Amino acid sequence: MWTFKVLAIIIGFFVFLTITFDLHMLDAGQKHMETSNGNLTYPYLATALRKKQIVDGIKSIEIGMTIDDVIHLLGKPDEVHELYPSKSSEKAIGFTYWYIIQRMKGNGSVAEKAEHLVRISFNLNGIVIRKDQW
């Protein structure tokens, strides 16, 4: 009889941990979407202060940092995009924050947009896994 109670407690504990972990993952996923403003008009040039914040902040971004660490250094992103392992993949593996320094057009190739930006990639837990700039 006591074996059944112990087993029920252990199973209950694992269910609790699973639900707690899933809620944490959901919170990280929702948090990144709340930071997107996407209100750029073109041609877009970041203000001198914003450009300085992005250029200086990217130097301090390290793999393993959290969303809050990135926002503290760079501010809220200009755009947020889902991150996929390949173009043919249907399941997102994370998301990216885009910090735009310059974009002359809203559509077209990178060359046509004359785009300069910083992109920070996060896993689904909201941890930095890569940083790029062009």
C-alpha atoms as a PDB file:
ATOM      1  CA  MET A   1       0.000   0.000   0.000  1.00  0.00           C
ATOM      2  CA  TRP A   2       2.750   2.467   0.903  1.00  0.00           C
ATOM      3  CA  THR A   3       4.519   1.663  -2.379  1.00  0.00           C
ATOM      4  CA  PHE A   4       1.489   2.919  -4.295  1.00  0.00           C
ATOM      5  CA  LYS A   5       1.416   6.177  -2.284  1.00  0.00           C
ATOM      6  CA  VAL A   6       5.146   6.763  -2.826  1.00  0.00           C
ATOM      7  CA  LEU A   7       4.773   6.053  -6.533  1.00  0.00           C
ATOM      8  CA  ALA A   8       1.792   8.454  -6.744  1.00  0.00           C
ATOM      9  CA  ILE A   9       3.828  11.179  -4.997  1.00  0.00           C
ATOM     10  CA  ILE A  10       6.780  10.673  -7.349  1.00  0.00           C
ATOM     11  CA  ILE A  11       4.542  10.776 -10.430  1.00  0.00           C
ATOM     12  CA  GLY A  12       2.781  13.868  -9.078  1.00  0.00           C
ATOM     13  CA  PHE A  13       6.133  15.559  -8.528  1.00  0.00           C
ATOM     14  CA  PHE A  14       7.244  14.837 -12.107  1.00  0.00           C
ATOM     15  CA  VAL A  15       3.931  16.161 -13.470  1.00  0.00           C
ATOM     16  CA  PHE A  16       4.446  19.344 -11.408  1.00  0.00           C
ATOM     17  CA  LEU A  17       7.994  19.755 -12.767  1.00  0.00           C
ATOM     18  CA  THR A  18       6.834  19.215 -16.337  1.00  0.00           C
ATOM     19  CA  ILE A  19       4.042  21.785 -16.032  1.00  0.00           C
ATOM     20  CA  THR A  20       6.373  24.296 -14.361  1.00  0.00           C
ATOM     21  CA  PHE A  21       9.000  23.839 -17.082  1.00  0.00           C
ATOM     22  CA  ASP A  22       6.389  24.181 -19.846  1.00  0.00           C
ATOM     23  CA  LEU A  23       5.049  27.405 -18.281  1.00  0.00           C
ATOM     24  CA  HIS A  24       8.588  28.791 -18.095  1.00  0.00           C
ATOM     25  CA  MET A  25       9.123  27.968 -21.770  1.00  0.00           C
ATOM     26  CA  LEU A  26       5.796  29.591 -22.660  1.00  0.00           C
ATOM     27  CA  ASP A  27       6.769  32.703 -20.671  1.00  0.00           C
ATOM     28  CA  ALA A  28      10.101  33.005 -22.520  1.00  0.00           C
ATOM     29  CA  GLY A  29       8.351  32.595 -25.861  1.00  0.00           C
ATOM     30  CA  GLN A  30       5.662  35.166 -25.051  1.00  0.00           C
ATOM     31  CA  LYS A  31       8.131  37.632 -23.576  1.00  0.00           C
ATOM     32  CA  HIS A  32      10.033  38.015 -26.835  1.00  0.00           C
ATOM     33  CA  MET A  33       6.871  38.754 -28.800  1.00  0.00           C
ATOM     34  CA  GLU A  34       5.881  41.543 -26.399  1.00  0.00           C
ATOM     35  CA  THR A  35       9.071  43.472 -27.182  1.00  0.00           C
ATOM     36  CA  SER A  36       8.465  43.851 -30.921  1.00  0.00           C
ATOM     37  CA  ASN A  37       7.419  47.315 -32.060  1.00  0.00           C
ATOM     38  CA  GLY A  38       7.903  47.052 -35.863  1.00  0.00           C
ATOM     39  CA  ASN A  39       6.870  50.676 -36.443  1.00  0.00           C
ATOM     40  CA  LEU A  40       9.635  51.694 -38.841  1.00  0.00           C
ATOM     41  CA  THR A  41       9.027  54.033 -41.756  1.00  0.00           C
ATOM     42  CA  TYR A  42      11.348  54.082 -44.759  1.00  0.00           C
ATOM     43  CA  PRO A  43      13.899  55.293 -45.421  1.00  0.00           C
ATOM     44  CA  TYR A  44      14.907  54.577 -41.814  1.00  0.00           C
ATOM     45  CA  LEU A  45      18.055  55.833 -40.109  1.00  0.00           C
ATOM     46  CA  ALA A  46      18.533  55.253 -36.389  1.00  0.00           C
ATOM     47  CA  THR A  47      19.148  58.403 -34.381  1.00  0.00           C
ATOM     48  CA  ALA A  48      22.772  59.032 -33.388  1.00  0.00           C
ATOM     49  CA  LEU A  49      21.967  57.994 -29.807  1.00  0.00           C
ATOM     50  CA  ARG A  50      20.209  54.786 -30.912  1.00  0.00           C
ATOM     51  CA  LYS A  51      23.038  53.912 -33.319  1.00  0.00           C
ATOM     52  CA  LYS A  52      25.587  54.394 -30.530  1.00  0.00           C
ATOM     53  CA  GLN A  53      23.543  52.182 -28.179  1.00  0.00           C
ATOM     54  CA  ILE A  54      23.436  49.383 -30.783  1.00  0.00           C
ATOM     55  CA  VAL A  55      27.082  49.661 -31.915  1.00  0.00           C
ATOM     56  CA  ASP A  56      28.430  49.867 -28.357  1.00  0.00           C
ATOM     57  CA  GLY A  57      26.004  47.277 -26.957  1.00  0.00           C
ATOM     58  CA  ILE A  58      26.777  44.548 -29.502  1.00  0.00           C
ATOM     59  CA  LYS A  59      30.357  44.453 -28.223  1.00  0.00           C
ATOM     60  CA  SER A  60      29.078  43.319 -24.815  1.00  0.00           C
ATOM     61  CA  ILE A  61      26.601  40.679 -26.020  1.00  0.00           C
ATOM     62  CA  GLU A  62      27.808  37.160 -25.234  1.00  0.00           C
ATOM     63  CA  ILE A  63      26.493  33.675 -25.901  1.00  0.00           C
ATOM     64  CA  GLY A  64      24.477  32.545 -22.878  1.00  0.00           C
ATOM     65  CA  MET A  65      22.992  35.939 -21.990  1.00  0.00           C
ATOM     66  CA  THR A  66      19.246  36.287 -21.376  1.00  0.00           C
ATOM     67  CA  ILE A  67      16.611  38.408 -23.093  1.00  0.00           C
ATOM     68  CA  ASP A  68      16.741  40.866 -20.206  1.00  0.00           C
ATOM     69  CA  ASP A  69      20.538  41.170 -20.535  1.00  0.00           C
ATOM     70  CA  VAL A  70      20.188  41.998 -24.245  1.00  0.00           C
ATOM     71  CA  ILE A  71      17.393  44.530 -23.715  1.00  0.00           C
ATOM     72  CA  HIS A  72      19.440  46.177 -20.963  1.00  0.00           C
ATOM     73  CA  LEU A  73      22.340  46.665 -23.411  1.00  0.00           C
ATOM     74  CA  LEU A  74      20.542  47.298 -26.706  1.00  0.00           C
ATOM     75  CA  GLY A  75      17.030  48.383 -25.752  1.00  0.00           C
ATOM     76  CA  LYS A  76      13.892  46.909 -27.284  1.00  0.00           C
ATOM     77  CA  PRO A  77      14.367  45.412 -30.761  1.00  0.00           C
ATOM     78  CA  ASP A  78      12.994  46.980 -33.904  1.00  0.00           C
ATOM     79  CA  GLU A  79      11.799  43.606 -35.195  1.00  0.00           C
ATOM     80  CA  VAL A  80      11.336  40.073 -33.852  1.00  0.00           C
ATOM     81  CA  HIS A  81      11.406  37.007 -36.121  1.00  0.00           C
ATOM     82  CA  GLU A  82      11.075  33.282 -35.466  1.00  0.00           C
ATOM     83  CA  LEU A  83      14.274  31.260 -35.945  1.00  0.00           C
ATOM     84  CA  TYR A  84      14.288  28.022 -37.945  1.00  0.00           C
ATOM     85  CA  PRO A  85      17.137  25.526 -38.403  1.00  0.00           C
ATOM     86  CA  SER A  86      16.614  25.544 -42.190  1.00  0.00           C
ATOM     87  CA  LYS A  87      14.257  27.115 -44.694  1.00  0.00           C
ATOM     88  CA  SER A  88      12.362  23.846 -45.100  1.00  0.00           C
ATOM     89  CA  SER A  89      11.840  23.306 -41.371  1.00  0.00           C
ATOM     90  CA  GLU A  90       8.376  23.895 -39.972  1.00  0.00           C
ATOM     91  CA  LYS A  91       9.282  24.031 -36.275  1.00  0.00           C
ATOM     92  CA  ALA A  92      10.868  27.159 -34.835  1.00  0.00           C
ATOM     93  CA  ILE A  93      13.942  26.568 -32.686  1.00  0.00           C
ATOM     94  CA  GLY A  94      14.021  30.090 -31.285  1.00  0.00           C
ATOM     95  CA  PHE A  95      13.656  33.708 -32.302  1.00  0.00           C
ATOM     96  CA  THR A  96      15.770  36.678 -33.342  1.00  0.00           C
ATOM     97  CA  TYR A  97      15.881  40.322 -32.295  1.00  0.00           C
ATOM     98  CA  TRP A  98      16.721  42.740 -35.099  1.00  0.00           C
ATOM     99  CA  TYR A  99      18.226  46.137 -34.262  1.00  0.00           C
ATOM    100  CA  ILE A 100      18.086  48.314 -37.372  1.00  0.00           C
ATOM    101  CA  ILE A 101      20.719  51.013 -37.887  1.00  0.00           C
ATOM    102  CA  GLN A 102      19.755  51.778 -41.493  1.00  0.00           C
ATOM    103  CA  ARG A 103      17.189  50.449 -43.960  1.00  0.00           C
ATOM    104  CA  MET A 104      16.335  52.493 -47.010  1.00  0.00           C
ATOM    105  CA  LYS A 105      13.439  50.326 -48.260  1.00  0.00           C
ATOM    106  CA  GLY A 106      11.009  47.973 -46.557  1.00  0.00           C
ATOM    107  CA  ASN A 107      11.210  45.291 -49.260  1.00  0.00           C
ATOM    108  CA  GLY A 108      13.866  43.887 -51.562  1.00  0.00           C
ATOM    109  CA  SER A 109      17.295  42.332 -51.259  1.00  0.00           C
ATOM    110  CA  VAL A 110      19.825  43.385 -48.621  1.00  0.00           C
ATOM    111  CA  ALA A 111      21.570  45.474 -51.287  1.00  0.00           C
ATOM    112  CA  GLU A 112      18.310  47.093 -52.407  1.00  0.00           C
ATOM    113  CA  LYS A 113      17.387  47.895 -48.823  1.00  0.00           C
ATOM    114  CA  ALA A 114      20.910  49.251 -48.119  1.00  0.00           C
ATOM    115  CA  GLU A 115      20.500  47.601 -44.754  1.00  0.00           C
ATOM    116  CA  HIS A 116      22.788  47.784 -41.712  1.00  0.00           C
ATOM    117  CA  LEU A 117      21.658  45.950 -38.614  1.00  0.00           C
ATOM    118  CA  VAL A 118      22.451  43.737 -35.653  1.00  0.00           C
ATOM    119  CA  ARG A 119      20.667  40.400 -35.198  1.00  0.00           C
ATOM    120  CA  ILE A 120      20.645  38.502 -31.890  1.00  0.00           C
ATOM    121  CA  SER A 121      19.461  34.867 -32.017  1.00  0.00           C
ATOM    122  CA  PHE A 122      17.897  33.180 -28.977  1.00  0.00           C
ATOM    123  CA  ASN A 123      16.884  29.596 -28.287  1.00  0.00           C
ATOM    124  CA  LEU A 124      13.336  28.859 -27.093  1.00  0.00           C
ATOM    125  CA  ASN A 125      14.450  29.455 -23.493  1.00  0.00           C
ATOM    126  CA  GLY A 126      15.412  33.048 -24.308  1.00  0.00           C
ATOM    127  CA  ILE A 127      19.181  32.457 -24.168  1.00  0.00           C
ATOM    128  CA  VAL A 128      21.528  34.074 -26.716  1.00  0.00           C
ATOM    129  CA  ILE A 129      22.954  31.489 -29.130  1.00  0.00           C
ATOM    130  CA  ARG A 130      24.409  33.790 -31.813  1.00  0.00           C
ATOM    131  CA  LYS A 131      25.003  37.405 -32.781  1.00  0.00           C
ATOM    132  CA  ASP A 132      25.395  38.800 -36.305  1.00  0.00           C
ATOM    133  CA  GLN A 133      25.767  42.203 -37.861  1.00  0.00           C
ATOM    134  CA  TRP A 134      25.858  43.529 -41.399  1.00  0.00           C
END
